[in-house]
């Protein structure tokens, strides 16, 4: 968590660059996403198995932005970020590839 603010588009583009991918963005109306989350929630309850998408994920999805601040960690713990966004995402992507998650 460095001291910069990044939009979802900047984060998505950085990940796409790191992975050398060109994702296609498909806009999905929030109403449809909500109905899908309800369906997955019902499936999860009936099957007693977790799903990747549910009402909690829908709530996260509809948030227009998130802000993480490191000021308190800097002040109380002496935290200093070692990486910016690109370097941190690069290391994360390398780990995912090494662990065969992607």
C-alpha atoms as a PDB file:
ATOM      1  CA  UNK A   1       0.000   0.000   0.000  1.00  0.00           C
ATOM      2  CA  UNK A   2       1.923   3.017  -1.214  1.00  0.00           C
ATOM      3  CA  UNK A   3       0.645   6.558  -0.790  1.00  0.00           C
ATOM      4  CA  UNK A   4      -0.826   6.806  -4.290  1.00  0.00           C
ATOM      5  CA  UNK A   5      -4.420   6.406  -5.359  1.00  0.00           C
ATOM      6  CA  UNK A   6      -5.242   4.114  -8.288  1.00  0.00           C
ATOM      7  CA  UNK A   7      -8.446   3.717 -10.256  1.00  0.00           C
ATOM      8  CA  UNK A   8      -9.812   0.261 -11.033  1.00  0.00           C
ATOM      9  CA  UNK A   9      -8.912   0.933 -14.678  1.00  0.00           C
ATOM     10  CA  UNK A  10      -5.272   1.636 -13.752  1.00  0.00           C
ATOM     11  CA  UNK A  11      -5.118  -1.554 -11.697  1.00  0.00           C
ATOM     12  CA  UNK A  12      -6.754  -3.617 -14.458  1.00  0.00           C
ATOM     13  CA  UNK A  13      -4.436  -2.172 -17.122  1.00  0.00           C
ATOM     14  CA  UNK A  14      -1.350  -2.806 -14.970  1.00  0.00           C
ATOM     15  CA  UNK A  15      -2.363  -6.445 -14.429  1.00  0.00           C
ATOM     16  CA  UNK A  16      -3.107  -6.884 -18.141  1.00  0.00           C
ATOM     17  CA  UNK A  17       0.323  -5.447 -19.046  1.00  0.00           C
ATOM     18  CA  UNK A  18       2.111  -7.685 -16.546  1.00  0.00           C
ATOM     19  CA  UNK A  19       0.344 -10.788 -17.859  1.00  0.00           C
ATOM     20  CA  UNK A  20       0.646  -9.606 -21.467  1.00  0.00           C
ATOM     21  CA  UNK A  21      -3.106  -9.985 -21.906  1.00  0.00           C
ATOM     22  CA  UNK A  22      -5.684  -7.829 -23.604  1.00  0.00           C
ATOM     23  CA  UNK A  23      -8.930  -8.480 -21.742  1.00  0.00           C
ATOM     24  CA  UNK A  24     -12.271  -7.706 -23.243  1.00  0.00           C
ATOM     25  CA  UNK A  25     -14.444  -5.591 -20.970  1.00  0.00           C
ATOM     26  CA  UNK A  26     -18.096  -6.511 -20.998  1.00  0.00           C
ATOM     27  CA  UNK A  27     -20.350  -4.091 -19.131  1.00  0.00           C
ATOM     28  CA  UNK A  28     -22.946  -5.912 -17.025  1.00  0.00           C
ATOM     29  CA  UNK A  29     -25.912  -3.977 -15.615  1.00  0.00           C
ATOM     30  CA  UNK A  30     -25.941  -3.899 -11.809  1.00  0.00           C
ATOM     31  CA  UNK A  31     -29.452  -5.355 -11.771  1.00  0.00           C
ATOM     32  CA  UNK A  32     -28.277  -8.420 -13.691  1.00  0.00           C
ATOM     33  CA  UNK A  33     -25.233  -8.789 -11.424  1.00  0.00           C
ATOM     34  CA  UNK A  34     -27.543  -8.614  -8.405  1.00  0.00           C
ATOM     35  CA  UNK A  35     -29.801 -11.355  -9.805  1.00  0.00           C
ATOM     36  CA  UNK A  36     -26.757 -13.517 -10.519  1.00  0.00           C
ATOM     37  CA  UNK A  37     -25.489 -13.002  -6.976  1.00  0.00           C
ATOM     38  CA  UNK A  38     -28.878 -14.100  -5.627  1.00  0.00           C
ATOM     39  CA  UNK A  39     -28.759 -17.217  -7.800  1.00  0.00           C
ATOM     40  CA  UNK A  40     -25.255 -18.112  -6.643  1.00  0.00           C
ATOM     41  CA  UNK A  41     -26.230 -17.418  -3.040  1.00  0.00           C
ATOM     42  CA  UNK A  42     -29.190 -19.808  -3.345  1.00  0.00           C
ATOM     43  CA  UNK A  43     -27.026 -22.454  -5.039  1.00  0.00           C
ATOM     44  CA  UNK A  44     -24.458 -22.126  -2.253  1.00  0.00           C
ATOM     45  CA  UNK A  45     -27.066 -22.591   0.460  1.00  0.00           C
ATOM     46  CA  UNK A  46     -28.684 -25.575  -1.264  1.00  0.00           C
ATOM     47  CA  UNK A  47     -25.418 -27.301  -2.155  1.00  0.00           C
ATOM     48  CA  UNK A  48     -23.632 -26.270   1.046  1.00  0.00           C
ATOM     49  CA  UNK A  49     -20.655 -25.330  -1.107  1.00  0.00           C
ATOM     50  CA  UNK A  50     -19.089 -21.890  -1.395  1.00  0.00           C
ATOM     51  CA  UNK A  51     -19.240 -19.982  -4.664  1.00  0.00           C
ATOM     52  CA  UNK A  52     -16.957 -17.301  -6.054  1.00  0.00           C
ATOM     53  CA  UNK A  53     -19.804 -14.841  -6.501  1.00  0.00           C
ATOM     54  CA  UNK A  54     -22.457 -14.084  -3.870  1.00  0.00           C
ATOM     55  CA  UNK A  55     -24.258 -11.143  -2.261  1.00  0.00           C
ATOM     56  CA  UNK A  56     -21.127 -10.063  -0.373  1.00  0.00           C
ATOM     57  CA  UNK A  57     -19.089 -10.001  -3.595  1.00  0.00           C
ATOM     58  CA  UNK A  58     -21.897  -8.066  -5.278  1.00  0.00           C
ATOM     59  CA  UNK A  59     -21.654  -5.400  -2.568  1.00  0.00           C
ATOM     60  CA  UNK A  60     -17.911  -5.131  -3.247  1.00  0.00           C
ATOM     61  CA  UNK A  61     -18.516  -5.036  -7.002  1.00  0.00           C
ATOM     62  CA  UNK A  62     -20.930  -2.117  -6.855  1.00  0.00           C
ATOM     63  CA  UNK A  63     -18.562   0.053  -4.796  1.00  0.00           C
ATOM     64  CA  UNK A  64     -17.317   2.823  -7.063  1.00  0.00           C
ATOM     65  CA  UNK A  65     -13.989   3.109  -5.258  1.00  0.00           C
ATOM     66  CA  UNK A  66     -11.954   1.911  -2.302  1.00  0.00           C
ATOM     67  CA  UNK A  67      -9.276   3.907  -0.533  1.00  0.00           C
ATOM     68  CA  UNK A  68      -6.504   2.344   1.502  1.00  0.00           C
ATOM     69  CA  UNK A  69      -4.287   4.630   3.532  1.00  0.00           C
ATOM     70  CA  UNK A  70      -0.988   3.713   5.112  1.00  0.00           C
ATOM     71  CA  UNK A  71      -0.567   6.825   7.302  1.00  0.00           C
ATOM     72  CA  UNK A  72      -1.464   5.069  10.560  1.00  0.00           C
ATOM     73  CA  UNK A  73       0.912   2.174   9.835  1.00  0.00           C
ATOM     74  CA  UNK A  74       3.644   4.677   8.947  1.00  0.00           C
ATOM     75  CA  UNK A  75       3.098   6.653  12.143  1.00  0.00           C
ATOM     76  CA  UNK A  76       2.643   3.793  14.615  1.00  0.00           C
ATOM     77  CA  UNK A  77       4.784   1.060  13.052  1.00  0.00           C
ATOM     78  CA  UNK A  78       7.278   2.944  10.931  1.00  0.00           C
ATOM     79  CA  UNK A  79       5.890   1.226   7.832  1.00  0.00           C
ATOM     80  CA  UNK A  80       7.395   2.249   4.524  1.00  0.00           C
ATOM     81  CA  UNK A  81       6.162   0.625   1.307  1.00  0.00           C
ATOM     82  CA  UNK A  82       8.836  -1.332  -0.541  1.00  0.00           C
ATOM     83  CA  UNK A  83       7.000  -1.359  -3.866  1.00  0.00           C
ATOM     84  CA  UNK A  84       4.613   0.661  -5.934  1.00  0.00           C
ATOM     85  CA  UNK A  85       1.592  -0.809  -7.664  1.00  0.00           C
ATOM     86  CA  UNK A  86       3.363  -2.293 -10.697  1.00  0.00           C
ATOM     87  CA  UNK A  87       6.144  -4.006  -8.726  1.00  0.00           C
ATOM     88  CA  UNK A  88       3.716  -5.409  -6.139  1.00  0.00           C
ATOM     89  CA  UNK A  89       1.366  -6.743  -8.797  1.00  0.00           C
ATOM     90  CA  UNK A  90       4.329  -8.176 -10.738  1.00  0.00           C
ATOM     91  CA  UNK A  91       5.443 -10.171  -7.677  1.00  0.00           C
ATOM     92  CA  UNK A  92       1.864 -11.280  -7.028  1.00  0.00           C
ATOM     93  CA  UNK A  93       1.412 -12.437 -10.642  1.00  0.00           C
ATOM     94  CA  UNK A  94       4.711 -14.345 -10.515  1.00  0.00           C
ATOM     95  CA  UNK A  95       3.553 -16.129  -7.358  1.00  0.00           C
ATOM     96  CA  UNK A  96       0.193 -17.032  -8.956  1.00  0.00           C
ATOM     97  CA  UNK A  97       1.984 -18.441 -11.999  1.00  0.00           C
ATOM     98  CA  UNK A  98       4.486 -20.380  -9.817  1.00  0.00           C
ATOM     99  CA  UNK A  99       1.628 -21.894  -7.803  1.00  0.00           C
ATOM    100  CA  UNK A 100      -0.258 -22.724 -11.052  1.00  0.00           C
ATOM    101  CA  UNK A 101      -3.239 -20.597 -10.073  1.00  0.00           C
ATOM    102  CA  UNK A 102      -3.087 -18.841 -13.440  1.00  0.00           C
END
